[in-house]
């Protein structure tokens, strides 16, 4: 501990001298690890024996620095071996390992225990990055990506599925200038979503049938273990029924979604163009008060435009605009978001939305459509899961 405290006082220049004068590899590795400047570390690799370099490369902090060093190694065999050694250190950091893969100039085969990547942000990847990964990873067809979606933290997509999702998100956000007004960015994406994605009623029908069957089985006279097994199996089937239309794939690729799917797609598309959004979920207050089986839930978004938060419900507006052309639930204040009073707001991060957005600032929306938007208020749109 005394040595560590003393080393905290050393500058990078002093650590460089200690590194160069150290005799053992372990000593060199210790001084090397404490150097802050990655560029200095890369320069010092020139004096490290070839068979020991892999230990040092893993101590470089930036993924770009690691990739550049891997690319500079003498032959493909040493590149591949060093990459495998370093990749094990990134097992809990999928983003970091993906960044290295995108920057190396040689082909690799990932071991089975490194084929699953967790993505907290879909914006970590785009079409060009997916193409680069496919070109670099020999067994890319076996890659799996876990995406943290609202309804489930364990949604896994194959490489082709995620590629299709990213391609569709790119389409949704295409042609939007970076310097465009925030409200115009939002309106472009919002109208694209509500005009091209339809509500998946089949998913709800099948979910309701499974829920009804589960309630019948719940009354069976069986022991706790068997009942738990029945209920667990039912829950698994419901997740499978809802998987595509409650996540990104159903709405983007198949063109059909349920409310949480609409909300997730809008959330990801808005993030792509730099807008802030959250997904809000709630349960029917009527079901709670009547103590019925709670199964009438809903999801929508809150979006920040020019520093203010507004409610939006793309599920309701998709149904309305495709049927009558009216938009009723876009950029609304809480007190004018009338139909949603039937739902609780279970999302802790939900904001208080004090006012409607002033539509005269929405450059893309014609006076005709603004009038249709106001006429759509309280139009009795059916809210579904």
Protein backbone atom coordinates (compact mmCIF):
# COMPACT_ATOMS: atom_id res chain seq x y z
CA UNK A 1 0.00 0.00 0.00
CA UNK A 2 2.91 2.35 0.75
CA UNK A 3 4.32 1.83 -2.75
CA UNK A 4 0.91 2.50 -4.34
CA UNK A 5 0.55 5.78 -2.42
CA UNK A 6 4.02 6.86 -3.49
CA UNK A 7 3.25 6.00 -7.12
CA UNK A 8 0.21 8.27 -7.06
CA UNK A 9 2.66 11.20 -6.85
CA UNK A 10 4.57 10.23 -10.00
CA UNK A 11 3.98 12.07 -13.27
CA UNK A 12 3.79 10.25 -16.60
CA UNK A 13 7.37 11.32 -17.37
CA UNK A 14 8.60 9.83 -14.08
CA UNK A 15 6.60 6.66 -14.66
CA UNK A 16 8.18 6.40 -18.12
CA UNK A 17 11.66 6.42 -16.58
CA UNK A 18 10.67 3.88 -13.94
CA UNK A 19 9.21 1.69 -16.68
CA UNK A 20 12.37 1.86 -18.83
CA UNK A 21 14.64 1.09 -15.85
CA UNK A 22 12.50 -1.76 -14.49
CA UNK A 23 13.97 -5.23 -14.96
CA UNK A 24 11.02 -7.58 -14.53
CA UNK A 25 7.93 -7.65 -16.75
CA UNK A 26 5.71 -7.36 -13.69
CA UNK A 27 7.43 -4.16 -12.62
CA UNK A 28 7.15 -2.71 -16.12
CA UNK A 29 3.48 -3.66 -16.26
CA UNK A 30 2.78 -1.92 -12.96
CA UNK A 31 4.38 1.37 -14.04
CA UNK A 32 2.82 1.09 -17.50
CA UNK A 33 -0.67 0.70 -16.01
CA UNK A 34 -0.35 3.94 -14.01
CA UNK A 35 0.57 6.08 -17.02
CA UNK A 36 -2.37 8.29 -18.00
CA UNK A 37 -1.36 9.25 -21.55
CA UNK A 38 -2.35 6.46 -23.95
CA UNK A 39 -0.07 7.79 -26.68
CA UNK A 40 2.92 7.44 -24.35
CA UNK A 41 1.85 3.87 -23.58
CA UNK A 42 1.70 3.05 -27.29
CA UNK A 43 5.23 4.45 -27.78
CA UNK A 44 6.57 2.39 -24.87
CA UNK A 45 5.23 -0.82 -26.41
CA UNK A 46 8.22 -0.69 -28.79
CA UNK A 47 10.52 -1.82 -25.95
CA UNK A 48 8.22 -4.62 -24.74
CA UNK A 49 9.14 -8.15 -25.89
CA UNK A 50 6.83 -9.43 -28.63
CA UNK A 51 5.61 -12.38 -26.55
CA UNK A 52 4.63 -10.07 -23.66
CA UNK A 53 2.90 -7.28 -25.59
CA UNK A 54 -0.60 -8.70 -25.15
CA UNK A 55 -0.44 -8.04 -21.40
CA UNK A 56 0.42 -4.39 -21.97
CA UNK A 57 -2.02 -3.66 -24.79
CA UNK A 58 -4.87 -4.62 -22.48
CA UNK A 59 -3.81 -1.78 -20.14
CA UNK A 60 -4.39 0.91 -22.78
CA UNK A 61 -7.51 2.83 -21.79
CA UNK A 62 -9.06 3.95 -25.08
CA UNK A 63 -10.61 1.38 -27.41
CA UNK A 64 -9.23 3.28 -30.40
CA UNK A 65 -5.74 3.07 -28.91
CA UNK A 66 -6.10 -0.68 -28.38
CA UNK A 67 -7.34 -1.16 -31.95
CA UNK A 68 -4.52 0.92 -33.43
CA UNK A 69 -1.96 -1.12 -31.48
CA UNK A 70 -3.52 -4.41 -32.57
CA UNK A 71 -3.38 -3.25 -36.19
CA UNK A 72 0.35 -2.46 -35.84
CA UNK A 73 1.35 -5.96 -34.69
CA UNK A 74 3.67 -7.92 -36.98
CA UNK A 75 1.49 -10.78 -38.23
CA UNK A 76 -2.11 -12.00 -38.34
CA UNK A 77 -1.46 -14.77 -35.82
CA UNK A 78 -0.18 -12.41 -33.11
CA UNK A 79 -3.02 -9.97 -33.87
CA UNK A 80 -5.62 -12.71 -33.46
CA UNK A 81 -4.07 -14.12 -30.26
CA UNK A 82 -3.68 -10.68 -28.68
CA UNK A 83 -7.26 -9.74 -29.59
CA UNK A 84 -8.58 -12.90 -27.92
CA UNK A 85 -6.59 -12.14 -24.77
CA UNK A 86 -7.89 -8.56 -24.63
CA UNK A 87 -11.49 -9.45 -25.56
CA UNK A 88 -11.86 -11.43 -22.32
CA UNK A 89 -11.33 -8.19 -20.37
CA UNK A 90 -14.28 -6.59 -22.19
CA UNK A 91 -16.85 -9.27 -21.40
CA UNK A 92 -18.84 -6.88 -19.22
CA UNK A 93 -18.38 -3.96 -21.63
CA UNK A 94 -20.07 -4.87 -24.89
CA UNK A 95 -19.81 -1.34 -26.25
CA UNK A 96 -16.04 -1.26 -25.75
CA UNK A 97 -15.47 -4.59 -27.48
CA UNK A 98 -17.72 -3.57 -30.40
CA UNK A 99 -15.69 -0.37 -30.80
CA UNK A 100 -12.48 -2.39 -31.04
CA UNK A 101 -14.02 -4.80 -33.57
CA UNK A 102 -15.12 -1.87 -35.75
CA UNK A 103 -11.60 -0.39 -35.77
CA UNK A 104 -9.34 -3.41 -36.37
CA UNK A 105 -8.11 -4.30 -39.87
CA UNK A 106 -7.98 -8.10 -39.60
CA UNK A 107 -10.55 -10.89 -39.37
CA UNK A 108 -11.43 -12.63 -36.11
CA UNK A 109 -13.57 -15.50 -34.89
CA UNK A 110 -15.23 -14.76 -31.57
CA UNK A 111 -15.36 -17.56 -28.96
CA UNK A 112 -18.81 -18.84 -27.98
CA UNK A 113 -18.80 -16.98 -24.66
CA UNK A 114 -18.35 -13.61 -26.44
CA UNK A 115 -21.10 -13.91 -29.04
CA UNK A 116 -23.76 -12.05 -27.01
CA UNK A 117 -23.60 -8.24 -26.78
CA UNK A 118 -25.77 -6.10 -24.53
CA UNK A 119 -26.86 -2.75 -25.98
CA UNK A 120 -28.24 -0.08 -23.67
CA UNK A 121 -28.36 2.37 -26.54
CA UNK A 122 -29.27 1.46 -30.10
CA UNK A 123 -27.29 4.49 -31.27
CA UNK A 124 -24.09 2.61 -30.45
CA UNK A 125 -24.53 0.98 -33.88
CA UNK A 126 -25.49 2.09 -37.38
CA UNK A 127 -25.60 0.43 -40.82
CA UNK A 128 -21.94 1.13 -41.61
CA UNK A 129 -20.85 -0.27 -38.24
CA UNK A 130 -22.97 -3.40 -38.74
CA UNK A 131 -21.38 -3.93 -42.17
CA UNK A 132 -17.90 -3.53 -40.65
CA UNK A 133 -18.72 -6.05 -37.91
CA UNK A 134 -19.99 -8.52 -40.52
CA UNK A 135 -16.80 -8.10 -42.57
CA UNK A 136 -14.50 -8.48 -39.54
CA UNK A 137 -16.19 -11.25 -37.50
CA UNK A 138 -16.04 -14.58 -39.34
CA UNK A 139 -18.89 -16.04 -37.27
CA UNK A 140 -21.05 -12.88 -37.28
CA UNK A 141 -24.15 -14.93 -38.21
CA UNK A 142 -24.04 -16.35 -34.66
CA UNK A 143 -23.93 -12.97 -32.93
CA UNK A 144 -26.80 -12.09 -30.59
CA UNK A 145 -27.71 -8.65 -29.28
CA UNK A 146 -29.65 -8.02 -26.08
CA UNK A 147 -31.53 -4.75 -26.24
CA UNK A 148 -32.89 -3.12 -23.09
CA UNK A 149 -36.51 -2.55 -24.14
CA UNK A 150 -39.26 -1.23 -21.88
CA UNK A 151 -41.31 -4.39 -21.51
CA UNK A 152 -38.42 -6.78 -21.07
CA UNK A 153 -34.73 -6.57 -20.26
CA UNK A 154 -34.03 -9.82 -22.05
CA UNK A 155 -35.03 -9.22 -25.69
CA UNK A 156 -32.43 -10.90 -27.89
CA UNK A 157 -32.03 -10.18 -31.60
CA UNK A 158 -29.94 -12.07 -34.13
CA UNK A 159 -27.47 -10.19 -36.32
CA UNK A 160 -29.90 -10.08 -39.30
CA UNK A 161 -32.79 -8.95 -37.06
CA UNK A 162 -30.79 -6.12 -35.50
CA UNK A 163 -29.49 -5.11 -38.93
CA UNK A 164 -33.09 -4.82 -40.15
CA UNK A 165 -34.08 -2.77 -37.09
CA UNK A 166 -31.18 -0.35 -37.51
CA UNK A 167 -31.91 0.00 -41.24
CA UNK A 168 -35.52 0.95 -40.47
CA UNK A 169 -34.53 3.42 -37.74
CA UNK A 170 -32.18 4.97 -40.31
CA UNK A 171 -35.11 5.28 -42.76
CA UNK A 172 -37.29 6.91 -40.11
CA UNK A 173 -34.66 9.54 -39.42
CA UNK A 174 -33.38 10.05 -42.98
CA UNK A 175 -33.16 13.52 -44.44
CA UNK A 176 -33.42 15.39 -41.13
CA UNK A 177 -30.78 18.17 -40.96
CA UNK A 178 -28.77 18.35 -37.75
CA UNK A 179 -29.49 22.07 -37.36
CA UNK A 180 -33.24 21.76 -37.95
CA UNK A 181 -35.63 23.05 -35.26
CA UNK A 182 -36.34 20.41 -32.59
CA UNK A 183 -40.10 20.52 -33.14
CA UNK A 184 -39.68 19.95 -36.89
CA UNK A 185 -37.37 16.99 -36.25
CA UNK A 186 -39.99 15.55 -33.92
CA UNK A 187 -42.92 16.17 -36.28
CA UNK A 188 -41.14 14.53 -39.24
CA UNK A 189 -40.41 11.35 -37.26
CA UNK A 190 -43.79 11.30 -35.51
CA UNK A 191 -45.84 11.56 -38.71
CA UNK A 192 -43.71 8.89 -40.40
CA UNK A 193 -44.42 6.50 -37.52
CA UNK A 194 -48.16 7.12 -37.21
CA UNK A 195 -48.65 6.81 -40.97
CA UNK A 196 -46.69 3.59 -41.56
CA UNK A 197 -47.21 1.43 -38.44
CA UNK A 198 -50.60 -0.15 -37.70
CA UNK A 199 -51.90 -1.53 -34.43
CA UNK A 200 -51.47 -5.29 -33.96
CA UNK A 201 -54.87 -6.38 -32.63
CA UNK A 202 -53.96 -10.07 -33.03
CA UNK A 203 -51.31 -9.73 -30.33
CA UNK A 204 -53.88 -8.37 -27.87
CA UNK A 205 -56.46 -11.03 -28.73
CA UNK A 206 -53.93 -13.82 -28.21
CA UNK A 207 -52.66 -12.21 -24.98
CA UNK A 208 -56.22 -11.95 -23.63
CA UNK A 209 -56.90 -15.59 -24.51
CA UNK A 210 -53.74 -16.66 -22.67
CA UNK A 211 -54.63 -14.50 -19.65
CA UNK A 212 -58.14 -15.94 -19.51
CA UNK A 213 -56.75 -19.48 -19.72
CA UNK A 214 -54.27 -18.68 -16.97
CA UNK A 215 -57.06 -17.46 -14.69
CA UNK A 216 -58.98 -20.68 -15.26
CA UNK A 217 -55.91 -22.71 -14.37
CA UNK A 218 -55.28 -20.57 -11.31
CA UNK A 219 -58.47 -22.01 -9.75
CA UNK A 220 -57.31 -25.60 -10.25
CA UNK A 221 -56.79 -27.65 -7.11
CA UNK A 222 -53.11 -28.36 -7.49
CA UNK A 223 -50.13 -27.99 -5.19
CA UNK A 224 -48.06 -24.81 -5.12
CA UNK A 225 -45.17 -26.20 -7.18
CA UNK A 226 -47.43 -27.30 -10.03
CA UNK A 227 -49.41 -24.05 -9.97
CA UNK A 228 -46.20 -22.01 -10.07
CA UNK A 229 -45.02 -24.05 -13.05
CA UNK A 230 -48.34 -23.42 -14.85
CA UNK A 231 -48.19 -19.67 -14.18
CA UNK A 232 -44.52 -19.41 -15.18
CA UNK A 233 -45.23 -21.23 -18.46
CA UNK A 234 -48.14 -18.88 -19.12
CA UNK A 235 -45.97 -15.82 -18.46
CA UNK A 236 -43.37 -17.16 -20.88
CA UNK A 237 -46.01 -17.68 -23.59
CA UNK A 238 -47.34 -14.13 -23.10
CA UNK A 239 -43.84 -12.69 -23.48
CA UNK A 240 -43.38 -14.73 -26.66
CA UNK A 241 -46.73 -13.54 -28.04
CA UNK A 242 -45.87 -9.90 -27.33
CA UNK A 243 -42.14 -10.04 -28.12
CA UNK A 244 -42.14 -8.62 -31.63
CA UNK A 245 -45.01 -6.11 -31.50
CA UNK A 246 -44.03 -4.87 -28.02
CA UNK A 247 -40.46 -4.20 -29.09
CA UNK A 248 -38.62 -2.68 -32.02
CA UNK A 249 -38.92 -5.48 -34.55
CA UNK A 250 -42.67 -5.78 -35.07
CA UNK A 251 -43.40 -2.15 -35.85
CA UNK A 252 -40.23 -1.38 -37.77
CA UNK A 253 -39.91 -4.55 -39.85
CA UNK A 254 -43.44 -6.01 -39.98
CA UNK A 255 -45.25 -2.67 -39.72
CA UNK A 256 -47.38 -3.82 -36.75
CA UNK A 257 -47.00 -2.86 -33.10
CA UNK A 258 -48.82 -2.48 -29.80
CA UNK A 259 -48.52 0.62 -27.62
CA UNK A 260 -45.18 -0.18 -25.97
CA UNK A 261 -43.77 -0.99 -29.42
CA UNK A 262 -44.90 2.39 -30.78
CA UNK A 263 -43.40 4.14 -27.73
CA UNK A 264 -40.10 2.27 -27.98
CA UNK A 265 -39.71 2.98 -31.70
CA UNK A 266 -40.46 6.69 -31.25
CA UNK A 267 -38.04 6.83 -28.30
CA UNK A 268 -35.17 5.27 -30.28
CA UNK A 269 -35.82 7.34 -33.41
CA UNK A 270 -35.86 10.59 -31.42
CA UNK A 271 -32.61 9.66 -29.68
CA UNK A 272 -31.09 9.13 -33.13
CA UNK A 273 -31.63 12.81 -33.98
CA UNK A 274 -30.62 14.08 -30.54
CA UNK A 275 -34.05 14.63 -28.95
CA UNK A 276 -34.87 13.63 -25.37
CA UNK A 277 -37.74 11.24 -24.74
CA UNK A 278 -38.97 8.87 -22.05
CA UNK A 279 -41.45 6.00 -22.19
CA UNK A 280 -44.36 6.33 -19.74
CA UNK A 281 -46.44 3.32 -18.69
CA UNK A 282 -49.63 3.01 -16.68
CA UNK A 283 -52.42 0.64 -15.63
CA UNK A 284 -56.15 1.21 -15.91
CA UNK A 285 -57.45 2.93 -12.76
CA UNK A 286 -60.87 1.35 -13.34
CA UNK A 287 -59.35 -2.13 -13.09
CA UNK A 288 -57.57 -1.21 -9.86
CA UNK A 289 -60.69 0.29 -8.26
CA UNK A 290 -62.88 -2.66 -9.24
CA UNK A 291 -60.14 -5.12 -8.19
CA UNK A 292 -60.35 -6.86 -11.52
CA UNK A 293 -57.47 -8.75 -13.04
CA UNK A 294 -55.16 -5.89 -14.10
CA UNK A 295 -54.45 -6.35 -17.76
CA UNK A 296 -55.45 -3.05 -19.36
CA UNK A 297 -52.12 -1.24 -19.48
CA UNK A 298 -50.84 1.44 -21.80
CA UNK A 299 -47.57 3.09 -22.85
CA UNK A 300 -46.85 6.46 -24.42
CA UNK A 301 -44.03 9.02 -24.53
CA UNK A 302 -43.03 12.32 -23.07
CA UNK A 303 -40.81 14.39 -25.36
CA UNK A 304 -38.66 17.43 -24.62
CA UNK A 305 -38.91 20.23 -27.18
CA UNK A 306 -36.96 23.46 -26.61
CA UNK A 307 -36.55 22.67 -22.91
CA UNK A 308 -40.24 21.87 -22.21
CA UNK A 309 -41.79 18.41 -21.79
CA UNK A 310 -44.95 17.32 -23.66
CA UNK A 311 -47.11 14.19 -23.79
CA UNK A 312 -47.40 12.28 -27.06
CA UNK A 313 -49.26 9.06 -27.87
CA UNK A 314 -48.30 7.63 -31.25
CA UNK A 315 -50.51 4.56 -30.70
CA UNK A 316 -53.66 6.66 -30.45
CA UNK A 317 -52.66 9.04 -33.22
CA UNK A 318 -51.74 6.20 -35.60
CA UNK A 319 -55.24 4.78 -35.17
CA UNK A 320 -56.83 8.21 -35.53
CA UNK A 321 -54.80 9.56 -38.45
CA UNK A 322 -55.16 6.35 -40.46
CA UNK A 323 -58.93 6.39 -39.91
CA UNK A 324 -59.93 10.06 -40.03
CA UNK A 325 -56.75 12.08 -40.58
CA UNK A 326 -57.01 13.69 -37.13
CA UNK A 327 -54.06 14.04 -34.73
CA UNK A 328 -55.25 14.39 -31.13
CA UNK A 329 -52.41 13.31 -28.86
CA UNK A 330 -49.31 15.15 -30.07
CA UNK A 331 -47.36 17.53 -27.78
CA UNK A 332 -50.13 17.82 -25.18
CA UNK A 333 -50.30 19.25 -21.68
CA UNK A 334 -51.35 16.93 -18.85
CA UNK A 335 -54.78 18.53 -18.41
CA UNK A 336 -55.54 18.23 -22.14
CA UNK A 337 -54.31 14.66 -22.43
CA UNK A 338 -57.83 13.67 -21.34
CA UNK A 339 -58.18 9.97 -22.20
CA UNK A 340 -54.99 9.16 -20.28
CA UNK A 341 -56.63 10.10 -16.99
CA UNK A 342 -57.89 6.51 -16.94
CA UNK A 343 -54.30 5.27 -16.49
CA UNK A 344 -51.89 5.52 -13.58
CA UNK A 345 -48.43 6.85 -14.30
CA UNK A 346 -46.05 4.20 -13.02
CA UNK A 347 -42.92 5.70 -14.56
CA UNK A 348 -40.96 7.49 -11.82
CA UNK A 349 -39.17 9.70 -14.36
CA UNK A 350 -42.45 11.07 -15.77
CA UNK A 351 -42.57 14.85 -16.04
CA UNK A 352 -45.30 17.40 -15.36
CA UNK A 353 -46.37 18.74 -18.76
CA UNK A 354 -47.83 22.20 -18.13
CA UNK A 355 -48.95 23.30 -21.59
CA UNK A 356 -49.55 22.33 -25.20
CA UNK A 357 -46.86 23.09 -27.73
CA UNK A 358 -47.64 26.31 -29.69
CA UNK A 359 -48.32 24.91 -33.13
CA UNK A 360 -47.62 28.18 -34.92
CA UNK A 361 -43.95 27.31 -34.33
CA UNK A 362 -44.35 24.02 -36.19
CA UNK A 363 -43.15 24.97 -39.66
CA UNK A 364 -44.04 21.69 -41.38
CA UNK A 365 -47.66 21.58 -40.18
CA UNK A 366 -50.16 23.35 -42.43
CA UNK A 367 -53.00 25.49 -41.03
CA UNK A 368 -55.40 22.82 -42.31
CA UNK A 369 -53.64 20.10 -40.30
CA UNK A 370 -53.41 22.36 -37.24
CA UNK A 371 -57.19 22.73 -37.35
CA UNK A 372 -57.56 18.95 -37.66
CA UNK A 373 -55.26 18.54 -34.66
CA UNK A 374 -57.42 20.84 -32.50
CA UNK A 375 -60.61 19.17 -33.75
CA UNK A 376 -59.19 15.83 -32.74
CA UNK A 377 -59.18 16.78 -29.05
CA UNK A 378 -61.14 14.27 -26.96
CA UNK A 379 -62.25 12.52 -30.13
CA UNK A 380 -62.86 9.24 -28.35
CA UNK A 381 -59.80 7.46 -29.71
CA UNK A 382 -59.58 3.91 -28.39
CA UNK A 383 -56.55 3.41 -26.15
CA UNK A 384 -55.15 -0.09 -26.18
CA UNK A 385 -52.11 -1.92 -24.98
